[in-house]
Amino acid sequence: MAQATRATKALEQAGIRFELRSYEYDPDADSIGQAAASALGVEPAQVFKTLMVLIDGKPACAIAPSDGEVSMKRVAAALGAKSATMMRPGDAERLTGYKVGGISPFGQMKRVAVVIDETALLWDAIFINGGQRGLQVHLAGTDAARLLDAVVADISAA
């Protein structure tokens, strides 16, 4: 498994401290994030999923704990939009340059608005996809939010 991805290169160029953790990716898992957490031996709330969304028709990225649902209304509100919907997988792959299951918010082909769930700042470090299936980066949530110029908000469904 290659360890250098556009995501890891973007983190290195920004001087962000991170660790790489790889695991056996299971495309048939009920929840990719939950499977990653189990394989890594960490709490599912510490593994964050990257969702590509459309806010008022424009691409954006939402980063949230893998063990919960995301409120599209809250994503839209956090990014100053009226509505948010999930992006189609093929569109997400073309926009980010990553395969679904390996989409990272770092090093995407096009920079988009980002919102990260506020719980990311409660952990010393979180896991976020590293740009390839079965690869996670372990870094401070504050560093992720700063590098992505992300809005920090409660985007979890109640």
C-alpha atoms as a PDB file:
ATOM      1  CA  MET A   1       0.000   0.000   0.000  1.00  0.00           C
ATOM      2  CA  ALA A   2       1.388   3.348  -1.015  1.00  0.00           C
ATOM      3  CA  GLN A   3       1.798   5.684   1.932  1.00  0.00           C
ATOM      4  CA  ALA A   4       2.255   8.950   0.051  1.00  0.00           C
ATOM      5  CA  THR A   5      -0.991  10.469  -1.186  1.00  0.00           C
ATOM      6  CA  ARG A   6      -2.024  13.989  -2.133  1.00  0.00           C
ATOM      7  CA  ALA A   7      -3.513  14.188   1.366  1.00  0.00           C
ATOM      8  CA  THR A   8      -0.277  13.277   3.151  1.00  0.00           C
ATOM      9  CA  LYS A   9       1.705  15.591   0.881  1.00  0.00           C
ATOM     10  CA  ALA A  10      -0.686  18.476   1.677  1.00  0.00           C
ATOM     11  CA  LEU A  11      -0.257  17.823   5.412  1.00  0.00           C
ATOM     12  CA  GLU A  12       3.540  17.654   5.096  1.00  0.00           C
ATOM     13  CA  GLN A  13       3.694  20.862   3.041  1.00  0.00           C
ATOM     14  CA  ALA A  14       1.600  22.640   5.676  1.00  0.00           C
ATOM     15  CA  GLY A  15       3.887  21.422   8.457  1.00  0.00           C
ATOM     16  CA  ILE A  16       1.078  19.512  10.184  1.00  0.00           C
ATOM     17  CA  ARG A  17       2.157  16.729  12.536  1.00  0.00           C
ATOM     18  CA  PHE A  18       0.382  13.463  11.801  1.00  0.00           C
ATOM     19  CA  GLU A  19       0.783   9.703  11.941  1.00  0.00           C
ATOM     20  CA  LEU A  20      -0.315   7.237   9.293  1.00  0.00           C
ATOM     21  CA  ARG A  21      -2.347   4.204  10.281  1.00  0.00           C
ATOM     22  CA  SER A  22      -3.346   1.577   7.764  1.00  0.00           C
ATOM     23  CA  TYR A  23      -5.874  -1.217   8.105  1.00  0.00           C
ATOM     24  CA  GLU A  24      -7.548  -3.850   5.958  1.00  0.00           C
ATOM     25  CA  TYR A  25     -10.310  -2.000   4.078  1.00  0.00           C
ATOM     26  CA  ASP A  26     -13.600  -3.901   3.769  1.00  0.00           C
ATOM     27  CA  PRO A  27     -15.809  -2.450   1.021  1.00  0.00           C
ATOM     28  CA  ASP A  28     -18.711  -4.634   2.197  1.00  0.00           C
ATOM     29  CA  ALA A  29     -18.722  -3.319   5.772  1.00  0.00           C
ATOM     30  CA  ASP A  30     -22.037  -1.884   6.974  1.00  0.00           C
ATOM     31  CA  SER A  31     -20.138   1.223   8.083  1.00  0.00           C
ATOM     32  CA  ILE A  32     -16.700   1.963   6.663  1.00  0.00           C
ATOM     33  CA  GLY A  33     -15.917   4.314   9.567  1.00  0.00           C
ATOM     34  CA  GLN A  34     -17.010   1.809  12.207  1.00  0.00           C
ATOM     35  CA  ALA A  35     -14.956  -0.900  10.497  1.00  0.00           C
ATOM     36  CA  ALA A  36     -11.934   1.420  10.459  1.00  0.00           C
ATOM     37  CA  ALA A  37     -12.375   2.207  14.160  1.00  0.00           C
ATOM     38  CA  SER A  38     -12.589  -1.485  15.009  1.00  0.00           C
ATOM     39  CA  ALA A  39      -9.511  -2.320  12.925  1.00  0.00           C
ATOM     40  CA  LEU A  40      -7.560   0.545  14.497  1.00  0.00           C
ATOM     41  CA  GLY A  41      -8.732  -0.306  18.024  1.00  0.00           C
ATOM     42  CA  VAL A  42     -10.168   3.152  18.748  1.00  0.00           C
ATOM     43  CA  GLU A  43     -13.550   4.642  19.603  1.00  0.00           C
ATOM     44  CA  PRO A  44     -15.782   5.100  16.534  1.00  0.00           C
ATOM     45  CA  ALA A  45     -16.416   8.706  17.626  1.00  0.00           C
ATOM     46  CA  GLN A  46     -12.696   9.369  17.122  1.00  0.00           C
ATOM     47  CA  VAL A  47     -12.764   8.278  13.458  1.00  0.00           C
ATOM     48  CA  PHE A  48     -14.194  11.011  11.231  1.00  0.00           C
ATOM     49  CA  LYS A  49     -15.857  10.450   7.876  1.00  0.00           C
ATOM     50  CA  THR A  50     -15.510  12.789   4.924  1.00  0.00           C
ATOM     51  CA  LEU A  51     -18.771  13.477   3.121  1.00  0.00           C
ATOM     52  CA  MET A  52     -18.943  15.417  -0.121  1.00  0.00           C
ATOM     53  CA  VAL A  53     -22.112  17.466  -0.285  1.00  0.00           C
ATOM     54  CA  LEU A  54     -23.804  20.097  -2.391  1.00  0.00           C
ATOM     55  CA  ILE A  55     -24.831  23.281  -0.595  1.00  0.00           C
ATOM     56  CA  ASP A  56     -27.248  25.322  -2.657  1.00  0.00           C
ATOM     57  CA  GLY A  57     -25.881  23.336  -5.613  1.00  0.00           C
ATOM     58  CA  LYS A  58     -22.192  24.090  -4.891  1.00  0.00           C
ATOM     59  CA  PRO A  59     -19.690  21.449  -3.723  1.00  0.00           C
ATOM     60  CA  ALA A  60     -18.599  21.368  -0.094  1.00  0.00           C
ATOM     61  CA  CYS A  61     -17.164  18.924   2.408  1.00  0.00           C
ATOM     62  CA  ALA A  62     -18.557  17.814   5.779  1.00  0.00           C
ATOM     63  CA  ILE A  63     -16.372  15.988   8.296  1.00  0.00           C
ATOM     64  CA  ALA A  64     -18.165  14.178  11.114  1.00  0.00           C
ATOM     65  CA  PRO A  65     -17.766  11.283  13.558  1.00  0.00           C
ATOM     66  CA  SER A  66     -18.208   7.907  11.868  1.00  0.00           C
ATOM     67  CA  ASP A  67     -20.574   6.656  14.559  1.00  0.00           C
ATOM     68  CA  GLY A  68     -23.332   9.188  13.902  1.00  0.00           C
ATOM     69  CA  GLU A  69     -25.581  10.697  11.293  1.00  0.00           C
ATOM     70  CA  VAL A  70     -25.032  14.115   9.765  1.00  0.00           C
ATOM     71  CA  SER A  71     -27.819  16.691   9.655  1.00  0.00           C
ATOM     72  CA  MET A  72     -27.911  18.222   6.183  1.00  0.00           C
ATOM     73  CA  LYS A  73     -29.875  21.160   7.611  1.00  0.00           C
ATOM     74  CA  ARG A  74     -27.068  21.842  10.088  1.00  0.00           C
ATOM     75  CA  VAL A  75     -24.410  21.491   7.371  1.00  0.00           C
ATOM     76  CA  ALA A  76     -26.264  24.011   5.209  1.00  0.00           C
ATOM     77  CA  ALA A  77     -26.737  26.428   8.101  1.00  0.00           C
ATOM     78  CA  ALA A  78     -23.072  26.174   9.152  1.00  0.00           C
ATOM     79  CA  LEU A  79     -21.974  27.077   5.625  1.00  0.00           C
ATOM     80  CA  GLY A  80     -24.546  29.855   5.189  1.00  0.00           C
ATOM     81  CA  ALA A  81     -26.677  27.951   2.695  1.00  0.00           C
ATOM     82  CA  LYS A  82     -30.365  27.114   2.463  1.00  0.00           C
ATOM     83  CA  SER A  83     -30.005  23.416   1.618  1.00  0.00           C
ATOM     84  CA  ALA A  84     -27.502  20.597   1.524  1.00  0.00           C
ATOM     85  CA  THR A  85     -27.653  17.196  -0.140  1.00  0.00           C
ATOM     86  CA  MET A  86     -25.201  14.350  -0.560  1.00  0.00           C
ATOM     87  CA  MET A  87     -23.118  14.495  -3.720  1.00  0.00           C
ATOM     88  CA  ARG A  88     -23.367  11.526  -6.071  1.00  0.00           C
ATOM     89  CA  PRO A  89     -20.385   9.158  -5.639  1.00  0.00           C
ATOM     90  CA  GLY A  90     -19.124   9.596  -9.203  1.00  0.00           C
ATOM     91  CA  ASP A  91     -19.266  13.375  -8.882  1.00  0.00           C
ATOM     92  CA  ALA A  92     -17.422  13.206  -5.552  1.00  0.00           C
ATOM     93  CA  GLU A  93     -14.669  11.098  -7.108  1.00  0.00           C
ATOM     94  CA  ARG A  94     -14.249  13.438 -10.080  1.00  0.00           C
ATOM     95  CA  LEU A  95     -14.207  16.544  -7.881  1.00  0.00           C
ATOM     96  CA  THR A  96     -11.804  15.244  -5.223  1.00  0.00           C
ATOM     97  CA  GLY A  97      -9.605  12.943  -7.278  1.00  0.00           C
ATOM     98  CA  TYR A  98     -10.108  10.221  -4.658  1.00  0.00           C
ATOM     99  CA  LYS A  99     -12.127   6.987  -4.741  1.00  0.00           C
ATOM    100  CA  VAL A 100     -15.207   6.695  -2.521  1.00  0.00           C
ATOM    101  CA  GLY A 101     -14.071   5.010   0.685  1.00  0.00           C
ATOM    102  CA  GLY A 102     -10.766   6.850   0.381  1.00  0.00           C
ATOM    103  CA  ILE A 103     -11.899  10.475   0.098  1.00  0.00           C
ATOM    104  CA  SER A 104      -9.811  12.777   2.233  1.00  0.00           C
ATOM    105  CA  PRO A 105     -10.563  16.431   2.891  1.00  0.00           C
ATOM    106  CA  PHE A 106      -6.844  17.134   2.420  1.00  0.00           C
ATOM    107  CA  GLY A 107      -5.277  17.540  -1.023  1.00  0.00           C
ATOM    108  CA  GLN A 108      -8.498  17.515  -3.004  1.00  0.00           C
ATOM    109  CA  MET A 109      -8.318  18.541  -6.661  1.00  0.00           C
ATOM    110  CA  LYS A 110     -10.483  21.602  -6.013  1.00  0.00           C
ATOM    111  CA  ARG A 111     -10.693  23.561  -2.776  1.00  0.00           C
ATOM    112  CA  VAL A 112     -14.247  23.680  -1.399  1.00  0.00           C
ATOM    113  CA  ALA A 113     -15.958  25.011   1.713  1.00  0.00           C
ATOM    114  CA  VAL A 114     -15.508  22.673   4.688  1.00  0.00           C
ATOM    115  CA  VAL A 115     -17.426  22.182   7.919  1.00  0.00           C
ATOM    116  CA  ILE A 116     -16.085  19.934  10.664  1.00  0.00           C
ATOM    117  CA  ASP A 117     -18.130  18.691  13.577  1.00  0.00           C
ATOM    118  CA  GLU A 118     -17.253  20.441  16.824  1.00  0.00           C
ATOM    119  CA  THR A 119     -16.517  17.123  18.547  1.00  0.00           C
ATOM    120  CA  ALA A 120     -13.283  16.941  16.520  1.00  0.00           C
ATOM    121  CA  LEU A 121     -11.849  19.508  18.920  1.00  0.00           C
ATOM    122  CA  LEU A 122     -12.694  17.438  22.005  1.00  0.00           C
ATOM    123  CA  TRP A 123     -10.098  14.752  21.207  1.00  0.00           C
ATOM    124  CA  ASP A 124      -6.328  15.150  21.515  1.00  0.00           C
ATOM    125  CA  ALA A 125      -6.212  13.630  18.015  1.00  0.00           C
ATOM    126  CA  ILE A 126      -8.677  12.232  15.513  1.00  0.00           C
ATOM    127  CA  PHE A 127      -8.520   9.935  12.512  1.00  0.00           C
ATOM    128  CA  ILE A 128      -9.452  11.191   9.039  1.00  0.00           C
ATOM    129  CA  ASN A 129      -9.092   9.395   5.732  1.00  0.00           C
ATOM    130  CA  GLY A 130      -5.602   9.758   4.311  1.00  0.00           C
ATOM    131  CA  GLY A 131      -6.540   9.703   0.647  1.00  0.00           C
ATOM    132  CA  GLN A 132      -6.768   6.005  -0.012  1.00  0.00           C
ATOM    133  CA  ARG A 133      -8.931   3.137   1.148  1.00  0.00           C
ATOM    134  CA  GLY A 134      -7.528   1.624   4.316  1.00  0.00           C
ATOM    135  CA  LEU A 135      -5.345   4.615   5.196  1.00  0.00           C
ATOM    136  CA  GLN A 136      -6.083   7.041   8.023  1.00  0.00           C
ATOM    137  CA  VAL A 137      -4.165  10.072   9.235  1.00  0.00           C
ATOM    138  CA  HIS A 138      -4.065  10.648  12.996  1.00  0.00           C
ATOM    139  CA  LEU A 139      -3.806  14.356  13.797  1.00  0.00           C
ATOM    140  CA  ALA A 140      -5.115  17.085  16.064  1.00  0.00           C
ATOM    141  CA  GLY A 141      -8.640  18.176  15.146  1.00  0.00           C
ATOM    142  CA  THR A 142      -7.574  21.782  15.604  1.00  0.00           C
ATOM    143  CA  ASP A 143      -4.822  21.303  12.996  1.00  0.00           C
ATOM    144  CA  ALA A 144      -7.302  19.736  10.565  1.00  0.00           C
ATOM    145  CA  ALA A 145      -9.780  22.590  11.030  1.00  0.00           C
ATOM    146  CA  ARG A 146      -7.064  25.230  10.619  1.00  0.00           C
ATOM    147  CA  LEU A 147      -5.515  23.695   7.505  1.00  0.00           C
ATOM    148  CA  LEU A 148      -8.920  23.269   5.851  1.00  0.00           C
ATOM    149  CA  ASP A 149     -10.072  26.721   6.956  1.00  0.00           C
ATOM    150  CA  ALA A 150     -13.122  24.827   8.185  1.00  0.00           C
ATOM    151  CA  VAL A 151     -16.186  26.120   9.930  1.00  0.00           C
ATOM    152  CA  VAL A 152     -16.474  24.303  13.262  1.00  0.00           C
ATOM    153  CA  ALA A 153     -20.105  23.521  14.092  1.00  0.00           C
ATOM    154  CA  ASP A 154     -22.507  20.947  15.515  1.00  0.00           C
ATOM    155  CA  ILE A 155     -23.530  19.080  12.359  1.00  0.00           C
ATOM    156  CA  SER A 156     -24.677  15.850  13.976  1.00  0.00           C
ATOM    157  CA  ALA A 157     -28.295  14.818  13.645  1.00  0.00           C
ATOM    158  CA  ALA A 158     -30.158  15.143  16.930  1.00  0.00           C
END
